Amino acid sequence: MDPTGEYGQLPNAVTYRLGDNAYLEAGRLTASQLQEVLGVHFSATLSQRPDQAINSLRVQRNLRHQPGTLTKINRSVDDYQELLNQLSSWASDYAVSLLPQQLVEEAVVPLASSQADYSLLGQEYDYGWIRNHWG
């Protein structure tokens, strides 16, 4: 690694430039690695959501073998936990371009009424939370 480029002029030196002949596979980065590469820092309230969203996208791509985001409304907590337990190092790939949409899916909550079902991940989107943290 030569971050300053001082060794790039040596004979037989192989020079790699990000985007030219070297690439980061963003879909294999953890939430903290992705935040570091993009220079994005989440607030304490939001810090766990990217990890949750990435795990959901990993489940969707590697275990369910389906495109798109993993819908969380009316999904059983037990079923979701069972899927998470199946994730391992072989299932690390995810569609990084879907991360913003999956973050919305992570903002599901039980109904604010007597019809709330706490065995589900959520029954409606918390649009107030989404609006407050979208930036």
Protein backbone atom coordinates (compact mmCIF):
# COMPACT_ATOMS: atom_id res chain seq x y z
CA MET A 1 0.00 0.00 0.00
CA ASP A 2 1.29 3.40 -0.95
CA PRO A 3 -1.22 6.06 0.11
CA THR A 4 1.03 8.99 -0.83
CA GLY A 5 2.24 7.64 -4.20
CA GLU A 6 5.93 8.03 -3.47
CA TYR A 7 6.76 4.47 -4.58
CA GLY A 8 4.64 4.52 -7.74
CA GLN A 9 7.55 5.69 -9.89
CA LEU A 10 9.81 2.74 -9.02
CA PRO A 11 10.63 0.33 -11.88
CA ASN A 12 8.23 -2.64 -12.08
CA ALA A 13 5.87 -1.03 -9.57
CA VAL A 14 2.21 -1.92 -9.97
CA THR A 15 0.01 1.04 -9.16
CA TYR A 16 -3.63 0.60 -8.23
CA ARG A 17 -6.14 3.43 -8.31
CA LEU A 18 -9.55 3.08 -6.74
CA GLY A 19 -12.09 3.14 -9.55
CA ASP A 20 -9.49 2.62 -12.32
CA ASN A 21 -8.02 -0.81 -11.64
CA ALA A 22 -8.95 -1.38 -8.01
CA TYR A 23 -12.45 -1.66 -6.59
CA LEU A 24 -14.18 -2.05 -3.25
CA GLU A 25 -17.05 -4.48 -3.25
CA ALA A 26 -19.42 -2.39 -1.14
CA GLY A 27 -21.85 -5.28 -0.78
CA ARG A 28 -19.33 -7.10 1.39
CA LEU A 29 -18.59 -4.23 3.77
CA THR A 30 -20.00 -4.05 7.28
CA ALA A 31 -22.01 -1.00 8.29
CA SER A 32 -19.04 0.57 10.09
CA GLN A 33 -16.72 -0.08 7.11
CA LEU A 34 -19.28 1.38 4.71
CA GLN A 35 -19.71 4.45 6.91
CA GLU A 36 -15.94 4.94 6.99
CA VAL A 37 -15.53 4.63 3.20
CA LEU A 38 -18.44 7.00 2.52
CA GLY A 39 -17.51 9.40 5.31
CA VAL A 40 -20.97 9.06 6.85
CA HIS A 41 -21.46 9.00 10.59
CA PHE A 42 -24.75 8.03 12.18
CA SER A 43 -26.11 9.43 15.43
CA ALA A 44 -26.33 7.18 18.49
CA THR A 45 -30.07 6.76 17.87
CA LEU A 46 -29.42 5.53 14.35
CA SER A 47 -26.20 3.57 14.90
CA GLN A 48 -27.72 0.05 15.05
CA ARG A 49 -30.11 0.51 12.12
CA PRO A 50 -27.50 0.16 9.33
CA ASP A 51 -26.29 -3.15 10.82
CA GLN A 52 -29.88 -4.38 11.04
CA ALA A 53 -30.58 -3.25 7.48
CA ILE A 54 -27.47 -4.99 6.14
CA ASN A 55 -28.42 -8.22 7.91
CA SER A 56 -31.92 -7.99 6.43
CA LEU A 57 -30.48 -7.48 2.95
CA ARG A 58 -28.11 -10.43 3.50
CA VAL A 59 -31.10 -12.60 4.47
CA GLN A 60 -33.04 -11.47 1.40
CA ARG A 61 -30.23 -12.15 -1.08
CA ASN A 62 -28.51 -15.21 0.40
CA LEU A 63 -31.22 -17.13 2.23
CA ARG A 64 -34.47 -16.15 0.53
CA HIS A 65 -32.78 -15.74 -2.90
CA GLN A 66 -35.11 -12.89 -3.80
CA PRO A 67 -34.41 -9.41 -5.19
CA GLY A 68 -35.35 -6.25 -3.35
CA THR A 69 -35.64 -5.44 0.32
CA LEU A 70 -36.83 -7.70 3.11
CA THR A 71 -40.30 -6.54 4.11
CA LYS A 72 -40.61 -6.37 7.88
CA ILE A 73 -44.29 -5.43 8.30
CA ASN A 74 -46.25 -8.39 9.71
CA ARG A 75 -43.13 -10.61 9.78
CA SER A 76 -42.90 -12.85 12.84
CA VAL A 77 -40.10 -12.03 15.28
CA ASP A 78 -39.37 -15.76 15.67
CA ASP A 79 -39.20 -16.37 11.91
CA TYR A 80 -36.88 -13.41 11.44
CA GLN A 81 -34.63 -14.53 14.29
CA GLU A 82 -34.44 -18.00 12.75
CA LEU A 83 -33.29 -16.47 9.46
CA LEU A 84 -30.66 -14.36 11.25
CA ASN A 85 -29.36 -17.48 12.99
CA GLN A 86 -28.72 -19.04 9.57
CA LEU A 87 -26.45 -16.20 8.42
CA SER A 88 -22.74 -17.00 8.38
CA SER A 89 -19.62 -15.84 6.55
CA TRP A 90 -20.72 -17.44 3.26
CA ALA A 91 -23.83 -15.20 3.29
CA SER A 92 -22.08 -11.85 3.49
CA ASP A 93 -23.12 -10.38 0.14
CA TYR A 94 -25.98 -7.87 -0.06
CA ALA A 95 -27.34 -5.26 -2.46
CA VAL A 96 -25.78 -2.08 -1.08
CA SER A 97 -27.89 0.08 -3.43
CA LEU A 98 -30.99 -1.05 -1.50
CA LEU A 99 -29.66 0.13 1.86
CA PRO A 100 -31.75 3.35 2.01
CA GLN A 101 -34.94 1.41 1.21
CA GLN A 102 -34.06 -1.27 3.75
CA LEU A 103 -33.50 1.39 6.41
CA VAL A 104 -37.15 2.35 5.93
CA GLU A 105 -38.13 -1.31 6.45
CA GLU A 106 -36.21 -1.29 9.73
CA ALA A 107 -38.54 1.47 11.02
CA VAL A 108 -41.56 -0.75 11.63
CA VAL A 109 -43.42 -0.63 14.93
CA PRO A 110 -46.46 -2.33 16.45
CA LEU A 111 -49.80 -0.61 16.05
CA ALA A 112 -50.44 2.13 18.59
CA SER A 113 -53.69 0.51 19.71
CA SER A 114 -55.02 -2.53 21.49
CA GLN A 115 -54.59 -4.42 18.21
CA ALA A 116 -50.79 -4.28 18.51
CA ASP A 117 -49.21 -7.69 17.96
CA TYR A 118 -45.84 -7.87 19.71
CA SER A 119 -45.00 -11.24 18.16
CA LEU A 120 -44.44 -9.34 14.90
CA LEU A 121 -41.51 -7.08 14.03
CA GLY A 122 -44.06 -4.36 13.35
CA GLN A 123 -47.40 -3.62 11.77
CA GLU A 124 -46.85 -0.11 10.44
CA TYR A 125 -44.04 2.24 9.48
CA ASP A 126 -42.93 4.83 12.02
CA TYR A 127 -43.03 7.71 9.55
CA GLY A 128 -42.16 10.27 12.24
CA TRP A 129 -38.94 8.42 13.05
CA ILE A 130 -38.11 8.07 9.36
CA ARG A 131 -38.63 11.80 8.71
CA ASN A 132 -36.54 12.78 11.75
CA HIS A 133 -33.59 10.60 10.78
CA TRP A 134 -33.71 10.69 6.98
CA GLY A 135 -30.94 13.27 6.59
